[in-house]
Every structure is written in structure tokens, then in C-alpha cells.
Amino acid sequence: MSSPLSPLIHLIDDDEAVRSGLALLIGTVGLRVQTWADPQAFLRDFDRQSIGAIVLDVRMPGTSGLTVLDTLVSQGVDQPVIMLTGHGTVDMCRRAFKSGAAEFLEKPVDDERLLEALQSAVRQHVKSRERNQADRQTRAHFAQLSDREREVLGLIVAGLTNKEIGRALTVSPRTVETHRANLFAKLEIDNLAQLVRQYAALVDERPSS
């Protein structure tokens, strides 16, 4: 039985036979599938926190797959999207990729190609979520630092020794060492390389003024 935390594939297609066939296929590699006939119902109700990917038909009555893709992107949805179409054109393919699609496949879909694309998309999504979680933890840890600890941190990353930091801040090297130990503990790191890497990642995230 699949764990409720296992990857979930959202499959949106107005053709019931296509939904049933693809759901059976996707299930053969251990991925859970939730099917949707109505793209508006999908946009309203699907679990945005789920790990997995979205398989989206391009041509559907009422709301096209490309419109759904644009909506997902505008809402910041991070699940990779694989587009399917029975009548693909170069322009349609180009627009899909420009809008953020992970893959664009023509019907009838080659089973192996679809499964490979899905498994790759799921791996990509898992890594993205893990990276985002790590980034959130890093920001939370840095938020715990005092103003003085932030000053010491910046000078450590700049390559200054404890004595040089002490002179710059007009404090003793022993006080600098105390601040250093405190910030290492708050950041939950134990070496300088980790400190520099986390600090660099945090600085890179900040919007330029």
C-alpha cells in the first residue's frame, strides 16, 4: 500500500478513457494518481503541498491546458508540469516550455517516455522541496542571532581572526570567541566551511537594492 506521504501525480484530462489508461500505467511504478476531468475543479481543490507532478492535457473544453499552466505558475505552484497533446505544434510546444512546463509529450504517449519524465519530475520536486526546507531552516537560524553576533559573523566570513575582529569591534578576543561559539550553536553548525556556505546562500537570496 502506498504511503500517504508518497509522491502523488495529478492527472488532468477530459477524456475518461485516457484518464483511466494513464492512471493504470502510472500506478505500475508505484506512484499514486489523482485524476481530474475538470481543470477548474483541479485548480480549486488539488493539494498544493503534495510531492509529485502534474500531467496536463493541452486541449480541454472550457479551459485549455496552457491556461491552467499559466495559472499554476502565477500562483507559485511548484509541482513540475508535463503537458500532453494529440495535436501539437512547434509554437504550442515553445509556449508550454516558456510558461514553465517540465516536458511536452504528444499523444498517443509512449509509455516508457512518460514514466521516465514523471520519475525525473518527481525526483526534481523532492530535491526542490528539500532545498527550500533547508533554506527556511537557515533563515530561521540566522534570525536568532543578536546584532553583535551578526557583526562577528560578517567579519568571520570576511576572513578576520579573533584578534582582528576584537580590534574592529573594540572587544577582547575572548569576547569574540564567546560570540563565535554562540552563533555556531544557534546556526547548528560545527565548522567554518558550513558557516561560509550558509552565509553565502543567505546573502544570495536577498533582493538587490
Protein backbone atom coordinates (compact mmCIF):
# COMPACT_ATOMS: atom_id res chain seq x y z
CA MET A 1 0.00 0.00 0.00
CA SER A 2 1.25 3.49 -0.86
CA SER A 3 2.13 5.78 1.98
CA PRO A 4 0.06 8.99 2.16
CA LEU A 5 3.42 10.76 2.01
CA SER A 6 4.46 9.02 -1.22
CA PRO A 7 4.53 11.09 -4.43
CA LEU A 8 1.17 11.98 -5.92
CA ILE A 9 0.57 12.54 -9.63
CA HIS A 10 -2.32 14.84 -10.57
CA LEU A 11 -3.70 13.81 -13.98
CA ILE A 12 -6.00 16.29 -15.72
CA ASP A 13 -7.71 15.18 -18.94
CA ASP A 14 -11.34 15.47 -20.07
CA ASP A 15 -11.22 12.04 -21.77
CA GLU A 16 -12.25 9.33 -19.30
CA ALA A 17 -10.56 6.54 -21.26
CA VAL A 18 -7.27 8.46 -21.30
CA ARG A 19 -7.50 9.17 -17.57
CA SER A 20 -8.15 5.52 -16.74
CA GLY A 21 -5.42 4.19 -19.01
CA LEU A 22 -2.76 6.62 -17.87
CA ALA A 23 -3.68 6.18 -14.19
CA LEU A 24 -3.17 2.42 -14.51
CA LEU A 25 0.14 2.97 -16.29
CA ILE A 26 1.46 5.45 -13.73
CA GLY A 27 0.44 3.16 -10.89
CA THR A 28 2.72 0.40 -12.23
CA VAL A 29 5.78 2.32 -10.98
CA GLY A 30 4.36 2.84 -7.50
CA LEU A 31 3.15 6.41 -7.93
CA ARG A 32 -0.22 7.44 -6.56
CA VAL A 33 -2.57 9.11 -9.05
CA GLN A 34 -5.45 11.52 -8.57
CA THR A 35 -7.46 12.10 -11.75
CA TRP A 36 -9.41 15.21 -12.70
CA ALA A 37 -11.86 15.69 -15.57
CA ASP A 38 -12.46 19.38 -14.86
CA PRO A 39 -9.42 21.71 -14.85
CA GLN A 40 -11.29 24.31 -12.80
CA ALA A 41 -12.05 21.74 -10.10
CA PHE A 42 -8.38 20.77 -10.12
CA LEU A 43 -7.24 24.39 -9.71
CA ARG A 44 -9.71 24.87 -6.87
CA ASP A 45 -9.17 21.68 -4.89
CA PHE A 46 -5.83 19.99 -5.55
CA ASP A 47 -3.31 19.61 -2.73
CA ARG A 48 -0.60 22.17 -3.39
CA GLN A 49 1.55 20.73 -0.60
CA SER A 50 1.76 17.28 -2.16
CA ILE A 51 5.05 15.95 -3.51
CA GLY A 52 4.85 14.82 -7.11
CA ALA A 53 3.98 16.18 -10.53
CA ILE A 54 1.09 17.28 -12.74
CA VAL A 55 0.14 15.65 -16.06
CA LEU A 56 -1.97 18.12 -18.02
CA ASP A 57 -3.80 17.74 -21.33
CA VAL A 58 -3.44 20.78 -23.60
CA ARG A 59 -6.81 20.68 -25.37
CA MET A 60 -9.79 20.60 -23.00
CA PRO A 61 -13.22 22.23 -23.35
CA GLY A 62 -13.64 25.45 -21.44
CA THR A 63 -10.13 25.90 -20.05
CA SER A 64 -7.07 24.91 -22.07
CA GLY A 65 -4.10 23.20 -20.52
CA LEU A 66 -1.88 26.15 -21.37
CA THR A 67 -4.24 28.45 -19.46
CA VAL A 68 -4.10 26.08 -16.50
CA LEU A 69 -0.30 26.07 -16.71
CA ASP A 70 -0.21 29.87 -16.71
CA THR A 71 -2.50 29.91 -13.65
CA LEU A 72 -0.30 27.42 -11.79
CA VAL A 73 2.79 29.50 -12.49
CA SER A 74 1.07 32.74 -11.41
CA GLN A 75 0.03 31.07 -8.14
CA GLY A 76 3.57 29.89 -7.41
CA VAL A 77 2.70 26.19 -7.62
CA ASP A 78 5.98 24.26 -7.64
CA GLN A 79 4.96 20.80 -8.86
CA PRO A 80 6.56 20.09 -12.27
CA VAL A 81 4.04 20.02 -15.12
CA ILE A 82 4.11 17.56 -18.02
CA MET A 83 1.93 18.64 -20.94
CA LEU A 84 0.15 16.15 -23.23
CA THR A 85 -1.44 16.88 -26.60
CA GLY A 86 -2.80 14.97 -29.55
CA HIS A 87 -2.35 17.92 -31.89
CA GLY A 88 0.95 19.52 -31.01
CA THR A 89 2.63 22.33 -32.90
CA VAL A 90 6.05 23.88 -32.60
CA ASP A 91 4.51 27.12 -31.35
CA MET A 92 2.43 25.27 -28.76
CA CYS A 93 5.49 23.37 -27.55
CA ARG A 94 7.53 26.56 -27.38
CA ARG A 95 4.82 28.35 -25.41
CA ALA A 96 4.49 25.45 -22.96
CA PHE A 97 8.21 25.42 -22.20
CA LYS A 98 8.31 29.22 -21.98
CA SER A 99 5.48 29.06 -19.43
CA GLY A 100 7.43 26.60 -17.30
CA ALA A 101 6.40 23.11 -18.43
CA ALA A 102 8.89 20.38 -17.49
CA GLU A 103 8.05 18.24 -20.53
CA PHE A 104 5.79 18.29 -23.61
CA LEU A 105 4.66 14.91 -24.98
CA GLU A 106 2.42 14.03 -27.93
CA LYS A 107 -0.43 11.52 -27.81
CA PRO A 108 -0.51 8.62 -28.15
CA VAL A 109 2.07 8.86 -25.43
CA ASP A 110 4.98 6.44 -25.36
CA ASP A 111 4.62 4.62 -22.04
CA GLU A 112 8.31 4.48 -21.20
CA ARG A 113 8.89 8.10 -22.12
CA LEU A 114 6.01 9.29 -19.92
CA LEU A 115 7.13 7.19 -16.97
CA GLU A 116 10.71 8.40 -17.30
CA ALA A 117 9.52 12.01 -17.49
CA LEU A 118 7.33 11.54 -14.41
CA GLN A 119 10.02 9.86 -12.34
CA SER A 120 12.50 12.58 -13.29
CA ALA A 121 9.94 15.28 -12.41
CA VAL A 122 9.23 13.70 -9.04
CA ARG A 123 12.95 13.49 -8.20
CA GLN A 124 13.31 17.14 -9.20
CA HIS A 125 10.38 18.13 -7.00
CA VAL A 126 11.66 16.21 -3.97
CA LYS A 127 15.06 17.89 -4.27
CA SER A 128 13.44 21.30 -4.69
CA ARG A 129 11.28 20.85 -1.59
CA GLU A 130 14.26 19.61 0.45
CA ARG A 131 16.33 22.60 -0.67
CA ASN A 132 13.52 25.02 0.19
CA GLN A 133 13.10 23.41 3.61
CA ALA A 134 16.83 23.75 4.27
CA ASP A 135 16.71 27.40 3.19
CA ARG A 136 13.82 28.11 5.57
CA GLN A 137 15.71 26.49 8.44
CA THR A 138 18.80 28.53 7.63
CA ARG A 139 16.82 31.79 7.65
CA ALA A 140 15.18 30.81 10.94
CA HIS A 141 18.58 30.11 12.50
CA PHE A 142 20.06 33.41 11.31
CA ALA A 143 17.04 35.25 12.72
CA GLN A 144 18.08 34.09 16.20
CA LEU A 145 21.42 35.92 16.07
CA SER A 146 21.90 39.12 18.03
CA ASP A 147 23.13 42.26 16.26
CA ARG A 148 26.60 41.74 17.73
CA GLU A 149 26.67 38.10 16.62
CA ARG A 150 25.74 39.23 13.11
CA GLU A 151 28.65 41.68 13.15
CA VAL A 152 31.03 38.94 14.28
CA LEU A 153 29.63 36.61 11.63
CA GLY A 154 30.27 39.10 8.84
CA LEU A 155 33.83 39.63 9.98
CA ILE A 156 34.49 35.90 10.31
CA VAL A 157 33.27 35.34 6.76
CA ALA A 158 35.47 38.24 5.63
CA GLY A 159 38.44 36.23 6.88
CA LEU A 160 39.38 38.18 10.03
CA THR A 161 40.95 36.45 13.02
CA ASN A 162 39.51 36.73 16.51
CA LYS A 163 42.13 39.33 17.40
CA GLU A 164 41.34 41.38 14.29
CA ILE A 165 37.61 41.14 14.98
CA GLY A 166 38.23 42.21 18.57
CA ARG A 167 40.13 45.30 17.42
CA ALA A 168 37.42 46.13 14.86
CA LEU A 169 34.65 45.89 17.46
CA THR A 170 36.71 47.16 20.41
CA VAL A 171 36.22 43.98 22.43
CA SER A 172 38.60 41.30 23.69
CA PRO A 173 39.43 38.20 21.66
CA ARG A 174 37.84 36.13 24.46
CA THR A 175 34.55 38.03 23.95
CA VAL A 176 34.79 37.41 20.21
CA GLU A 177 35.31 33.72 20.92
CA THR A 178 32.17 33.69 23.06
CA HIS A 179 30.14 35.35 20.30
CA ARG A 180 31.62 32.91 17.80
CA ALA A 181 30.65 29.91 19.92
CA ASN A 182 27.14 31.28 20.42
CA LEU A 183 26.50 31.89 16.73
CA PHE A 184 27.83 28.45 15.80
CA ALA A 185 25.44 26.93 18.33
CA LYS A 186 22.45 28.96 17.11
CA LEU A 187 23.18 28.12 13.48
CA GLU A 188 23.65 24.44 14.41
CA ILE A 189 26.95 24.17 12.57
CA ASP A 190 30.36 22.99 13.70
CA ASN A 191 32.88 24.24 11.16
CA LEU A 192 33.85 27.35 9.23
CA ALA A 193 33.06 25.85 5.81
CA GLN A 194 29.42 25.33 6.79
CA LEU A 195 29.27 28.86 8.13
CA VAL A 196 30.58 30.40 4.93
CA ARG A 197 28.31 28.26 2.75
CA GLN A 198 25.16 29.14 4.72
CA TYR A 199 26.07 32.82 4.88
CA ALA A 200 26.72 32.94 1.12
CA ALA A 201 23.38 31.26 0.39
CA LEU A 202 21.55 33.72 2.64
CA VAL A 203 23.21 36.75 1.02
CA ASP A 204 22.41 35.41 -2.48
CA GLU A 205 18.70 35.23 -1.55
CA ARG A 206 18.48 38.88 -0.56
CA PRO A 207 16.92 41.14 -3.21
CA SER A 208 19.28 43.71 -4.63
CA SER A 209 18.55 47.30 -3.63
